[in-house]
Amino acid sequence: MVIDFNQRLGTMLKNLTSSLQGSNFILGHAHWLGYDAIQNPSKYGLMDTSNACCKTWANGTSGCIPFETPCKDPNGHYFFDAFHLSETVCSAIASRCFDDSSVCSPFIKQLVQA
């Protein structure tokens, strides 16, 4: 179901962009970039791609436990909690989305220059 949805999403976003005057929808397909960060953490400045920065409930599979101190270097982690990527990973995706059509289509620089 997910593969079928993802294959149709690009066409749907193009249709929305053309039918909603003044809008621009961007298709982000950065899963491979996240996978690369897990496989090559030092390339992204990461030290830990397995554990959340904060202490979480349910053995790392939920949100942060309130009032617990997070790790000292959250940007060295892939995950901040069980659901959210760290600022480092989000920044890598956003930077590539700005000018790399293999991550986002259309890429943001293309929209700014138009």
PDB file of N, CA and C in Angstrom:
ATOM      1  N   MET A   1       0.816  -1.189   0.000  1.00  0.00           N
ATOM      2  CA  MET A   1       0.000   0.000   0.000  1.00  0.00           C
ATOM      3  C   MET A   1       0.862   1.256   0.000  1.00  0.00           C
ATOM      4  N   VAL A   2       1.925   1.253   0.790  1.00  0.00           N
ATOM      5  CA  VAL A   2       2.790   2.424   0.879  1.00  0.00           C
ATOM      6  C   VAL A   2       3.488   2.674  -0.453  1.00  0.00           C
ATOM      7  N   ILE A   3       3.981   1.623  -1.083  1.00  0.00           N
ATOM      8  CA  ILE A   3       4.661   1.774  -2.376  1.00  0.00           C
ATOM      9  C   ILE A   3       3.700   2.358  -3.399  1.00  0.00           C
ATOM     10  N   ASP A   4       2.487   1.844  -3.451  1.00  0.00           N
ATOM     11  CA  ASP A   4       1.485   2.350  -4.391  1.00  0.00           C
ATOM     12  C   ASP A   4       1.182   3.821  -4.109  1.00  0.00           C
ATOM     13  N   PHE A   5       1.009   4.162  -2.842  1.00  0.00           N
ATOM     14  CA  PHE A   5       0.754   5.558  -2.468  1.00  0.00           C
ATOM     15  C   PHE A   5       1.900   6.458  -2.921  1.00  0.00           C
ATOM     16  N   ASN A   6       3.122   6.070  -2.612  1.00  0.00           N
ATOM     17  CA  ASN A   6       4.285   6.879  -2.960  1.00  0.00           C
ATOM     18  C   ASN A   6       4.438   7.045  -4.466  1.00  0.00           C
ATOM     19  N   GLN A   7       4.106   6.017  -5.230  1.00  0.00           N
ATOM     20  CA  GLN A   7       4.202   6.110  -6.682  1.00  0.00           C
ATOM     21  C   GLN A   7       3.178   7.096  -7.250  1.00  0.00           C
ATOM     22  N   ARG A   8       2.044   7.205  -6.619  1.00  0.00           N
ATOM     23  CA  ARG A   8       0.987   8.104  -7.101  1.00  0.00           C
ATOM     24  C   ARG A   8       1.105   9.519  -6.529  1.00  0.00           C
ATOM     25  N   LEU A   9       1.855   9.684  -5.480  1.00  0.00           N
ATOM     26  CA  LEU A   9       1.942  10.966  -4.794  1.00  0.00           C
ATOM     27  C   LEU A   9       2.506  12.066  -5.691  1.00  0.00           C
ATOM     28  N   GLY A  10       3.539  11.787  -6.461  1.00  0.00           N
ATOM     29  CA  GLY A  10       4.133  12.796  -7.333  1.00  0.00           C
ATOM     30  C   GLY A  10       3.134  13.366  -8.314  1.00  0.00           C
ATOM     31  N   THR A  11       2.348  12.508  -8.936  1.00  0.00           N
ATOM     32  CA  THR A  11       1.321  12.954  -9.887  1.00  0.00           C
ATOM     33  C   THR A  11       0.265  13.792  -9.175  1.00  0.00           C
ATOM     34  N   MET A  12      -0.142  13.355  -8.008  1.00  0.00           N
ATOM     35  CA  MET A  12      -1.138  14.100  -7.248  1.00  0.00           C
ATOM     36  C   MET A  12      -0.628  15.504  -6.905  1.00  0.00           C
ATOM     37  N   LEU A  13       0.630  15.613  -6.478  1.00  0.00           N
ATOM     38  CA  LEU A  13       1.190  16.914  -6.117  1.00  0.00           C
ATOM     39  C   LEU A  13       1.319  17.820  -7.339  1.00  0.00           C
ATOM     40  N   LYS A  14       1.674  17.264  -8.489  1.00  0.00           N
ATOM     41  CA  LYS A  14       1.723  18.067  -9.724  1.00  0.00           C
ATOM     42  C   LYS A  14       0.336  18.581 -10.078  1.00  0.00           C
ATOM     43  N   ASN A  15      -0.675  17.735  -9.913  1.00  0.00           N
ATOM     44  CA  ASN A  15      -2.053  18.154 -10.181  1.00  0.00           C
ATOM     45  C   ASN A  15      -2.487  19.258  -9.222  1.00  0.00           C
ATOM     46  N   LEU A  16      -2.132  19.122  -7.960  1.00  0.00           N
ATOM     47  CA  LEU A  16      -2.481  20.159  -6.983  1.00  0.00           C
ATOM     48  C   LEU A  16      -1.777  21.473  -7.305  1.00  0.00           C
ATOM     49  N   THR A  17      -0.512  21.409  -7.680  1.00  0.00           N
ATOM     50  CA  THR A  17       0.234  22.613  -8.016  1.00  0.00           C
ATOM     51  C   THR A  17      -0.408  23.327  -9.203  1.00  0.00           C
ATOM     52  N   SER A  18      -0.845  22.565 -10.199  1.00  0.00           N
ATOM     53  CA  SER A  18      -1.448  23.206 -11.376  1.00  0.00           C
ATOM     54  C   SER A  18      -2.885  23.660 -11.112  1.00  0.00           C
ATOM     55  N   SER A  19      -3.605  23.007 -10.239  1.00  0.00           N
ATOM     56  CA  SER A  19      -5.003  23.384 -10.005  1.00  0.00           C
ATOM     57  C   SER A  19      -5.170  24.441  -8.907  1.00  0.00           C
ATOM     58  N   LEU A  20      -4.230  24.565  -8.008  1.00  0.00           N
ATOM     59  CA  LEU A  20      -4.297  25.572  -6.946  1.00  0.00           C
ATOM     60  C   LEU A  20      -3.340  26.713  -7.282  1.00  0.00           C
ATOM     61  N   GLN A  21      -3.879  27.722  -7.927  1.00  0.00           N
ATOM     62  CA  GLN A  21      -3.072  28.832  -8.434  1.00  0.00           C
ATOM     63  C   GLN A  21      -2.193  29.444  -7.343  1.00  0.00           C
ATOM     64  N   GLY A  22      -0.921  29.635  -7.669  1.00  0.00           N
ATOM     65  CA  GLY A  22       0.035  30.233  -6.745  1.00  0.00           C
ATOM     66  C   GLY A  22       0.653  29.265  -5.751  1.00  0.00           C
ATOM     67  N   SER A  23       0.313  27.994  -5.864  1.00  0.00           N
ATOM     68  CA  SER A  23       0.864  27.002  -4.929  1.00  0.00           C
ATOM     69  C   SER A  23       2.006  26.228  -5.579  1.00  0.00           C
ATOM     70  N   ASN A  24       2.854  25.719  -4.735  1.00  0.00           N
ATOM     71  CA  ASN A  24       3.930  24.826  -5.172  1.00  0.00           C
ATOM     72  C   ASN A  24       4.056  23.722  -4.141  1.00  0.00           C
ATOM     73  N   PHE A  25       3.872  22.492  -4.585  1.00  0.00           N
ATOM     74  CA  PHE A  25       4.028  21.343  -3.710  1.00  0.00           C
ATOM     75  C   PHE A  25       5.340  20.658  -4.040  1.00  0.00           C
ATOM     76  N   ILE A  26       6.057  20.271  -3.019  1.00  0.00           N
ATOM     77  CA  ILE A  26       7.362  19.632  -3.189  1.00  0.00           C
ATOM     78  C   ILE A  26       7.271  18.200  -2.708  1.00  0.00           C
ATOM     79  N   LEU A  27       7.725  17.301  -3.545  1.00  0.00           N
ATOM     80  CA  LEU A  27       7.768  15.883  -3.171  1.00  0.00           C
ATOM     81  C   LEU A  27       9.136  15.592  -2.577  1.00  0.00           C
ATOM     82  N   GLY A  28       9.143  15.272  -1.291  1.00  0.00           N
ATOM     83  CA  GLY A  28      10.383  14.902  -0.625  1.00  0.00           C
ATOM     84  C   GLY A  28      10.518  13.393  -0.599  1.00  0.00           C
ATOM     85  N   HIS A  29      11.599  12.897  -1.150  1.00  0.00           N
ATOM     86  CA  HIS A  29      11.854  11.449  -1.124  1.00  0.00           C
ATOM     87  C   HIS A  29      13.270  11.245  -0.608  1.00  0.00           C
ATOM     88  N   ALA A  30      13.385  11.474   0.702  1.00  0.00           N
ATOM     89  CA  ALA A  30      14.691  11.484   1.339  1.00  0.00           C
ATOM     90  C   ALA A  30      14.967  10.241   2.175  1.00  0.00           C
ATOM     91  N   HIS A  31      14.162   9.207   2.011  1.00  0.00           N
ATOM     92  CA  HIS A  31      14.372   7.996   2.814  1.00  0.00           C
ATOM     93  C   HIS A  31      15.781   7.450   2.616  1.00  0.00           C
ATOM     94  N   TRP A  32      16.250   7.455   1.385  1.00  0.00           N
ATOM     95  CA  TRP A  32      17.603   6.946   1.092  1.00  0.00           C
ATOM     96  C   TRP A  32      18.668   7.772   1.808  1.00  0.00           C
ATOM     97  N   LEU A  33      18.420   9.084   1.959  1.00  0.00           N
ATOM     98  CA  LEU A  33      19.383   9.941   2.640  1.00  0.00           C
ATOM     99  C   LEU A  33      19.445   9.597   4.132  1.00  0.00           C
ATOM    100  N   GLY A  34      18.284   9.339   4.738  1.00  0.00           N
ATOM    101  CA  GLY A  34      18.254   8.914   6.136  1.00  0.00           C
ATOM    102  C   GLY A  34      18.942   7.581   6.324  1.00  0.00           C
ATOM    103  N   TYR A  35      18.724   6.675   5.378  1.00  0.00           N
ATOM    104  CA  TYR A  35      19.378   5.367   5.441  1.00  0.00           C
ATOM    105  C   TYR A  35      20.890   5.525   5.329  1.00  0.00           C
ATOM    106  N   ASP A  36      21.331   6.421   4.447  1.00  0.00           N
ATOM    107  CA  ASP A  36      22.766   6.660   4.296  1.00  0.00           C
ATOM    108  C   ASP A  36      23.358   7.213   5.591  1.00  0.00           C
ATOM    109  N   ALA A  37      22.613   8.066   6.278  1.00  0.00           N
ATOM    110  CA  ALA A  37      23.099   8.615   7.553  1.00  0.00           C
ATOM    111  C   ALA A  37      23.257   7.523   8.601  1.00  0.00           C
ATOM    112  N   ILE A  38      22.380   6.530   8.571  1.00  0.00           N
ATOM    113  CA  ILE A  38      22.500   5.418   9.509  1.00  0.00           C
ATOM    114  C   ILE A  38      23.688   4.536   9.148  1.00  0.00           C
ATOM    115  N   GLN A  39      23.894   4.300   7.874  1.00  0.00           N
ATOM    116  CA  GLN A  39      24.983   3.445   7.427  1.00  0.00           C
ATOM    117  C   GLN A  39      26.348   4.131   7.509  1.00  0.00           C
ATOM    118  N   ASN A  40      26.383   5.445   7.361  1.00  0.00           N
ATOM    119  CA  ASN A  40      27.635   6.220   7.351  1.00  0.00           C
ATOM    120  C   ASN A  40      27.525   7.407   8.307  1.00  0.00           C
ATOM    121  N   PRO A  41      27.364   7.160   9.595  1.00  0.00           N
ATOM    122  CA  PRO A  41      27.090   8.244  10.539  1.00  0.00           C
ATOM    123  C   PRO A  41      28.155   9.338  10.578  1.00  0.00           C
ATOM    124  N   SER A  42      29.422   8.983  10.458  1.00  0.00           N
ATOM    125  CA  SER A  42      30.474   9.999  10.546  1.00  0.00           C
ATOM    126  C   SER A  42      30.394  10.997   9.394  1.00  0.00           C
ATOM    127  N   LYS A  43      29.880  10.582   8.273  1.00  0.00           N
ATOM    128  CA  LYS A  43      29.696  11.456   7.106  1.00  0.00           C
ATOM    129  C   LYS A  43      28.751  12.613   7.438  1.00  0.00           C
ATOM    130  N   TYR A  44      27.867  12.402   8.415  1.00  0.00           N
ATOM    131  CA  TYR A  44      26.873  13.398   8.804  1.00  0.00           C
ATOM    132  C   TYR A  44      27.153  13.986  10.181  1.00  0.00           C
ATOM    133  N   GLY A  45      28.271  13.627  10.772  1.00  0.00           N
ATOM    134  CA  GLY A  45      28.610  14.129  12.102  1.00  0.00           C
ATOM    135  C   GLY A  45      27.842  13.457  13.217  1.00  0.00           C
ATOM    136  N   LEU A  46      27.366  12.247  12.974  1.00  0.00           N
ATOM    137  CA  LEU A  46      26.590  11.521  13.973  1.00  0.00           C
ATOM    138  C   LEU A  46      27.464  10.511  14.709  1.00  0.00           C
ATOM    139  N   MET A  47      27.165  10.318  15.983  1.00  0.00           N
ATOM    140  CA  MET A  47      27.875   9.330  16.780  1.00  0.00           C
ATOM    141  C   MET A  47      26.988   8.135  17.121  1.00  0.00           C
ATOM    142  N   ASP A  48      25.660   8.367  17.172  1.00  0.00           N
ATOM    143  CA  ASP A  48      24.739   7.314  17.601  1.00  0.00           C
ATOM    144  C   ASP A  48      23.521   7.309  16.685  1.00  0.00           C
ATOM    145  N   THR A  49      23.334   6.228  15.968  1.00  0.00           N
ATOM    146  CA  THR A  49      22.188   6.120  15.065  1.00  0.00           C
ATOM    147  C   THR A  49      21.153   5.115  15.573  1.00  0.00           C
ATOM    148  N   SER A  50      21.342   4.604  16.765  1.00  0.00           N
ATOM    149  CA  SER A  50      20.441   3.585  17.304  1.00  0.00           C
ATOM    150  C   SER A  50      19.608   4.061  18.482  1.00  0.00           C
ATOM    151  N   ASN A  51      20.151   4.933  19.285  1.00  0.00           N
ATOM    152  CA  ASN A  51      19.497   5.330  20.531  1.00  0.00           C
ATOM    153  C   ASN A  51      19.004   6.771  20.478  1.00  0.00           C
ATOM    154  N   ALA A  52      17.874   6.997  21.092  1.00  0.00           N
ATOM    155  CA  ALA A  52      17.352   8.361  21.204  1.00  0.00           C
ATOM    156  C   ALA A  52      18.223   9.171  22.150  1.00  0.00           C
ATOM    157  N   CYS A  53      18.225  10.484  21.960  1.00  0.00           N
ATOM    158  CA  CYS A  53      19.004  11.363  22.827  1.00  0.00           C
ATOM    159  C   CYS A  53      18.408  11.423  24.226  1.00  0.00           C
ATOM    160  N   CYS A  54      17.090  11.426  24.303  1.00  0.00           N
ATOM    161  CA  CYS A  54      16.461  11.507  25.620  1.00  0.00           C
ATOM    162  C   CYS A  54      16.080  10.117  26.114  1.00  0.00           C
ATOM    163  N   LYS A  55      15.832  10.038  27.395  1.00  0.00           N
ATOM    164  CA  LYS A  55      15.325   8.791  27.962  1.00  0.00           C
ATOM    165  C   LYS A  55      13.856   8.689  27.585  1.00  0.00           C
ATOM    166  N   THR A  56      13.460   7.536  27.074  1.00  0.00           N
ATOM    167  CA  THR A  56      12.085   7.371  26.599  1.00  0.00           C
ATOM    168  C   THR A  56      11.363   6.274  27.362  1.00  0.00           C
ATOM    169  N   TRP A  57      10.058   6.311  27.247  1.00  0.00           N
ATOM    170  CA  TRP A  57       9.242   5.237  27.790  1.00  0.00           C
ATOM    171  C   TRP A  57       9.366   4.027  26.871  1.00  0.00           C
ATOM    172  N   ALA A  58       8.959   2.905  27.325  1.00  0.00           N
ATOM    173  CA  ALA A  58       8.827   1.684  26.520  1.00  0.00           C
ATOM    174  C   ALA A  58      10.107   1.324  25.771  1.00  0.00           C
ATOM    175  N   ASN A  59      11.228   1.402  26.473  1.00  0.00           N
ATOM    176  CA  ASN A  59      12.504   0.953  25.916  1.00  0.00           C
ATOM    177  C   ASN A  59      12.866   1.639  24.592  1.00  0.00           C
ATOM    178  N   GLY A  60      12.679   2.967  24.556  1.00  0.00           N
ATOM    179  CA  GLY A  60      13.086   3.729  23.379  1.00  0.00           C
ATOM    180  C   GLY A  60      12.081   3.781  22.257  1.00  0.00           C
ATOM    181  N   THR A  61      10.851   3.388  22.501  1.00  0.00           N
ATOM    182  CA  THR A  61       9.872   3.371  21.424  1.00  0.00           C
ATOM    183  C   THR A  61       8.756   4.392  21.611  1.00  0.00           C
ATOM    184  N   SER A  62       8.994   5.421  22.423  1.00  0.00           N
ATOM    185  CA  SER A  62       7.969   6.449  22.622  1.00  0.00           C
ATOM    186  C   SER A  62       8.643   7.796  22.853  1.00  0.00           C
ATOM    187  N   GLY A  63       7.859   8.762  23.313  1.00  0.00           N
ATOM    188  CA  GLY A  63       8.382  10.096  23.572  1.00  0.00           C
ATOM    189  C   GLY A  63       9.301  10.141  24.777  1.00  0.00           C
ATOM    190  N   CYS A  64       9.908  11.308  24.962  1.00  0.00           N
ATOM    191  CA  CYS A  64      10.823  11.503  26.088  1.00  0.00           C
ATOM    192  C   CYS A  64      10.067  11.455  27.409  1.00  0.00           C
ATOM    193  N   ILE A  65      10.718  10.972  28.432  1.00  0.00           N
ATOM    194  CA  ILE A  65      10.175  10.992  29.782  1.00  0.00           C
ATOM    195  C   ILE A  65      10.300  12.427  30.291  1.00  0.00           C
ATOM    196  N   PRO A  66       9.192  13.051  30.717  1.00  0.00           N
ATOM    197  CA  PRO A  66       9.241  14.444  31.167  1.00  0.00           C
ATOM    198  C   PRO A  66      10.242  14.660  32.301  1.00  0.00           C
ATOM    199  N   PHE A  67      10.897  15.793  32.248  1.00  0.00           N
ATOM    200  CA  PHE A  67      11.826  16.270  33.267  1.00  0.00           C
ATOM    201  C   PHE A  67      13.139  15.491  33.342  1.00  0.00           C
ATOM    202  N   GLU A  68      13.347  14.553  32.459  1.00  0.00           N
ATOM    203  CA  GLU A  68      14.636  13.864  32.386  1.00  0.00           C
ATOM    204  C   GLU A  68      15.578  14.708  31.523  1.00  0.00           C
ATOM    205  N   THR A  69      16.830  14.733  31.862  1.00  0.00           N
ATOM    206  CA  THR A  69      17.805  15.504  31.108  1.00  0.00           C
ATOM    207  C   THR A  69      18.193  14.750  29.838  1.00  0.00           C
ATOM    208  N   PRO A  70      18.114  15.416  28.678  1.00  0.00           N
ATOM    209  CA  PRO A  70      18.527  14.734  27.444  1.00  0.00           C
ATOM    210  C   PRO A  70      20.038  14.581  27.395  1.00  0.00           C
ATOM    211  N   CYS A  71      20.519  13.903  26.396  1.00  0.00           N
ATOM    212  CA  CYS A  71      21.956  13.677  26.243  1.00  0.00           C
ATOM    213  C   CYS A  71      22.690  15.015  26.068  1.00  0.00           C
ATOM    214  N   LYS A  72      23.986  15.002  26.265  1.00  0.00           N
ATOM    215  CA  LYS A  72      24.775  16.229  26.181  1.00  0.00           C
ATOM    216  C   LYS A  72      24.956  16.720  24.748  1.00  0.00           C
ATOM    217  N   ASP A  73      24.940  15.817  23.769  1.00  0.00           N
ATOM    218  CA  ASP A  73      25.133  16.204  22.374  1.00  0.00           C
ATOM    219  C   ASP A  73      23.987  15.674  21.512  1.00  0.00           C
ATOM    220  N   PRO A  74      22.830  16.334  21.537  1.00  0.00           N
ATOM    221  CA  PRO A  74      21.688  15.826  20.776  1.00  0.00           C
ATOM    222  C   PRO A  74      21.944  15.774  19.272  1.00  0.00           C
ATOM    223  N   ASN A  75      22.794  16.637  18.761  1.00  0.00           N
ATOM    224  CA  ASN A  75      23.055  16.654  17.325  1.00  0.00           C
ATOM    225  C   ASN A  75      23.987  15.537  16.880  1.00  0.00           C
ATOM    226  N   GLY A  76      24.530  14.807  17.805  1.00  0.00           N
ATOM    227  CA  GLY A  76      25.329  13.637  17.472  1.00  0.00           C
ATOM    228  C   GLY A  76      24.485  12.384  17.336  1.00  0.00           C
ATOM    229  N   HIS A  77      23.187  12.520  17.583  1.00  0.00           N
ATOM    230  CA  HIS A  77      22.249  11.402  17.513  1.00  0.00           C
ATOM    231  C   HIS A  77      21.399  11.498  16.261  1.00  0.00           C
ATOM    232  N   TYR A  78      20.998  10.380  15.745  1.00  0.00           N
ATOM    233  CA  TYR A  78      20.076  10.336  14.611  1.00  0.00           C
ATOM    234  C   TYR A  78      18.669  10.713  15.084  1.00  0.00           C
ATOM    235  N   PHE A  79      18.268  10.153  16.231  1.00  0.00           N
ATOM    236  CA  PHE A  79      16.939  10.424  16.795  1.00  0.00           C
ATOM    237  C   PHE A  79      17.054  11.260  18.056  1.00  0.00           C
ATOM    238  N   PHE A  80      16.134  12.237  18.199  1.00  0.00           N
ATOM    239  CA  PHE A  80      16.053  12.930  19.475  1.00  0.00           C
ATOM    240  C   PHE A  80      15.220  12.095  20.437  1.00  0.00           C
ATOM    241  N   ASP A  81      14.060  11.647  19.978  1.00  0.00           N
ATOM    242  CA  ASP A  81      13.236  10.709  20.739  1.00  0.00           C
ATOM    243  C   ASP A  81      12.837   9.592  19.781  1.00  0.00           C
ATOM    244  N   ALA A  82      11.859   8.808  20.140  1.00  0.00           N
ATOM    245  CA  ALA A  82      11.498   7.668  19.287  1.00  0.00           C
ATOM    246  C   ALA A  82      10.848   8.090  17.980  1.00  0.00           C
ATOM    247  N   PHE A  83      10.398   9.343  17.877  1.00  0.00           N
ATOM    248  CA  PHE A  83       9.653   9.784  16.703  1.00  0.00           C
ATOM    249  C   PHE A  83      10.356  10.845  15.872  1.00  0.00           C
ATOM    250  N   HIS A  84      11.199  11.638  16.476  1.00  0.00           N
ATOM    251  CA  HIS A  84      11.748  12.816  15.817  1.00  0.00           C
ATOM    252  C   HIS A  84      13.235  12.692  15.526  1.00  0.00           C
ATOM    253  N   LEU A  85      13.581  13.061  14.306  1.00  0.00           N
ATOM    254  CA  LEU A  85      14.988  13.086  13.923  1.00  0.00           C
ATOM    255  C   LEU A  85      15.674  14.252  14.626  1.00  0.00           C
ATOM    256  N   SER A  86      16.976  14.153  14.794  1.00  0.00           N
ATOM    257  CA  SER A  86      17.720  15.247  15.417  1.00  0.00           C
ATOM    258  C   SER A  86      17.838  16.416  14.433  1.00  0.00           C
ATOM    259  N   GLU A  87      18.238  17.551  14.953  1.00  0.00           N
ATOM    260  CA  GLU A  87      18.432  18.736  14.122  1.00  0.00           C
ATOM    261  C   GLU A  87      19.477  18.468  13.036  1.00  0.00           C
ATOM    262  N   THR A  88      20.496  17.700  13.342  1.00  0.00           N
ATOM    263  CA  THR A  88      21.530  17.378  12.364  1.00  0.00           C
ATOM    264  C   THR A  88      20.957  16.657  11.156  1.00  0.00           C
ATOM    265  N   VAL A  89      20.127  15.667  11.393  1.00  0.00           N
ATOM    266  CA  VAL A  89      19.544  14.891  10.295  1.00  0.00           C
ATOM    267  C   VAL A  89      18.551  15.747   9.520  1.00  0.00           C
ATOM    268  N   CYS A  90      17.709  16.494  10.215  1.00  0.00           N
ATOM    269  CA  CYS A  90      16.758  17.379   9.530  1.00  0.00           C
ATOM    270  C   CYS A  90      17.481  18.420   8.688  1.00  0.00           C
ATOM    271  N   SER A  91      18.560  18.953   9.213  1.00  0.00           N
ATOM    272  CA  SER A  91      19.344  19.948   8.482  1.00  0.00           C
ATOM    273  C   SER A  91      19.973  19.346   7.220  1.00  0.00           C
ATOM    274  N   ALA A  92      20.469  18.125   7.318  1.00  0.00           N
ATOM    275  CA  ALA A  92      21.056  17.464   6.144  1.00  0.00           C
ATOM    276  C   ALA A  92      20.003  17.260   5.063  1.00  0.00           C
ATOM    277  N   ILE A  93      18.818  16.840   5.456  1.00  0.00           N
ATOM    278  CA  ILE A  93      17.734  16.635   4.490  1.00  0.00           C
ATOM    279  C   ILE A  93      17.310  17.970   3.890  1.00  0.00           C
ATOM    280  N   ALA A  94      17.127  18.990   4.720  1.00  0.00           N
ATOM    281  CA  ALA A  94      16.706  20.302   4.227  1.00  0.00           C
ATOM    282  C   ALA A  94      17.738  20.905   3.288  1.00  0.00           C
ATOM    283  N   SER A  95      19.010  20.787   3.636  1.00  0.00           N
ATOM    284  CA  SER A  95      20.066  21.334   2.778  1.00  0.00           C
ATOM    285  C   SER A  95      20.062  20.674   1.414  1.00  0.00           C
ATOM    286  N   ARG A  96      19.910  19.369   1.395  1.00  0.00           N
ATOM    287  CA  ARG A  96      19.881  18.643   0.118  1.00  0.00           C
ATOM    288  C   ARG A  96      18.596  18.940  -0.640  1.00  0.00           C
ATOM    289  N   CYS A  97      17.506  19.169   0.080  1.00  0.00           N
ATOM    290  CA  CYS A  97      16.226  19.483  -0.552  1.00  0.00           C
ATOM    291  C   CYS A  97      16.298  20.833  -1.268  1.00  0.00           C
ATOM    292  N   PHE A  98      17.169  21.698  -0.789  1.00  0.00           N
ATOM    293  CA  PHE A  98      17.287  23.035  -1.374  1.00  0.00           C
ATOM    294  C   PHE A  98      17.793  22.987  -2.811  1.00  0.00           C
ATOM    295  N   ASP A  99      18.749  22.095  -3.090  1.00  0.00           N
ATOM    296  CA  ASP A  99      19.305  22.120  -4.454  1.00  0.00           C
ATOM    297  C   ASP A  99      19.625  20.742  -5.025  1.00  0.00           C
ATOM    298  N   ASP A 100      18.910  19.717  -4.605  1.00  0.00           N
ATOM    299  CA  ASP A 100      19.186  18.375  -5.109  1.00  0.00           C
ATOM    300  C   ASP A 100      17.874  17.688  -5.471  1.00  0.00           C
ATOM    301  N   SER A 101      17.646  17.484  -6.764  1.00  0.00           N
ATOM    302  CA  SER A 101      16.386  16.894  -7.216  1.00  0.00           C
ATOM    303  C   SER A 101      16.267  15.422  -6.855  1.00  0.00           C
ATOM    304  N   SER A 102      17.347  14.793  -6.395  1.00  0.00           N
ATOM    305  CA  SER A 102      17.229  13.403  -5.954  1.00  0.00           C
ATOM    306  C   SER A 102      16.621  13.314  -4.559  1.00  0.00           C
ATOM    307  N   VAL A 103      16.524  14.445  -3.858  1.00  0.00           N
ATOM    308  CA  VAL A 103      15.933  14.483  -2.533  1.00  0.00           C
ATOM    309  C   VAL A 103      14.538  15.110  -2.577  1.00  0.00           C
ATOM    310  N   CYS A 104      14.398  16.227  -3.266  1.00  0.00           N
ATOM    311  CA  CYS A 104      13.106  16.908  -3.378  1.00  0.00           C
ATOM    312  C   CYS A 104      12.865  17.318  -4.819  1.00  0.00           C
ATOM    313  N   SER A 105      11.615  17.192  -5.226  1.00  0.00           N
ATOM    314  CA  SER A 105      11.283  17.528  -6.597  1.00  0.00           C
ATOM    315  C   SER A 105       9.982  18.318  -6.619  1.00  0.00           C
ATOM    316  N   PRO A 106       9.952  19.542  -7.135  1.00  0.00           N
ATOM    317  CA  PRO A 106      11.129  20.283  -7.579  1.00  0.00           C
ATOM    318  C   PRO A 106      11.948  20.709  -6.365  1.00  0.00           C
ATOM    319  N   PHE A 107      13.250  20.892  -6.574  1.00  0.00           N
ATOM    320  CA  PHE A 107      14.061  21.311  -5.442  1.00  0.00           C
ATOM    321  C   PHE A 107      13.833  22.786  -5.199  1.00  0.00           C
ATOM    322  N   ILE A 108      14.015  23.217  -3.962  1.00  0.00           N
ATOM    323  CA  ILE A 108      13.595  24.546  -3.528  1.00  0.00           C
ATOM    324  C   ILE A 108      14.301  25.657  -4.298  1.00  0.00           C
ATOM    325  N   LYS A 109      15.565  25.514  -4.593  1.00  0.00           N
ATOM    326  CA  LYS A 109      16.295  26.560  -5.334  1.00  0.00           C
ATOM    327  C   LYS A 109      15.635  26.794  -6.691  1.00  0.00           C
ATOM    328  N   GLN A 110      15.123  25.740  -7.287  1.00  0.00           N
ATOM    329  CA  GLN A 110      14.447  25.856  -8.575  1.00  0.00           C
ATOM    330  C   GLN A 110      13.198  26.738  -8.436  1.00  0.00           C
ATOM    331  N   LEU A 111      12.483  26.618  -7.347  1.00  0.00           N
ATOM    332  CA  LEU A 111      11.281  27.429  -7.129  1.00  0.00           C
ATOM    333  C   LEU A 111      11.643  28.884  -6.847  1.00  0.00           C
ATOM    334  N   VAL A 112      12.712  29.110  -6.109  1.00  0.00           N
ATOM    335  CA  VAL A 112      13.136  30.459  -5.765  1.00  0.00           C
ATOM    336  C   VAL A 112      13.596  31.208  -7.013  1.00  0.00           C
ATOM    337  N   GLN A 113      14.270  30.506  -7.903  1.00  0.00           N
ATOM    338  CA  GLN A 113      14.777  31.142  -9.117  1.00  0.00           C
ATOM    339  C   GLN A 113      13.707  31.381 -10.158  1.00  0.00           C
ATOM    340  N   ALA A 114      12.568  30.712 -10.031  1.00  0.00           N
ATOM    341  CA  ALA A 114      11.501  30.847 -11.040  1.00  0.00           C
ATOM    342  C   ALA A 114      10.782  32.171 -10.957  1.00  0.00           C
TER     343      ALA A 114
END
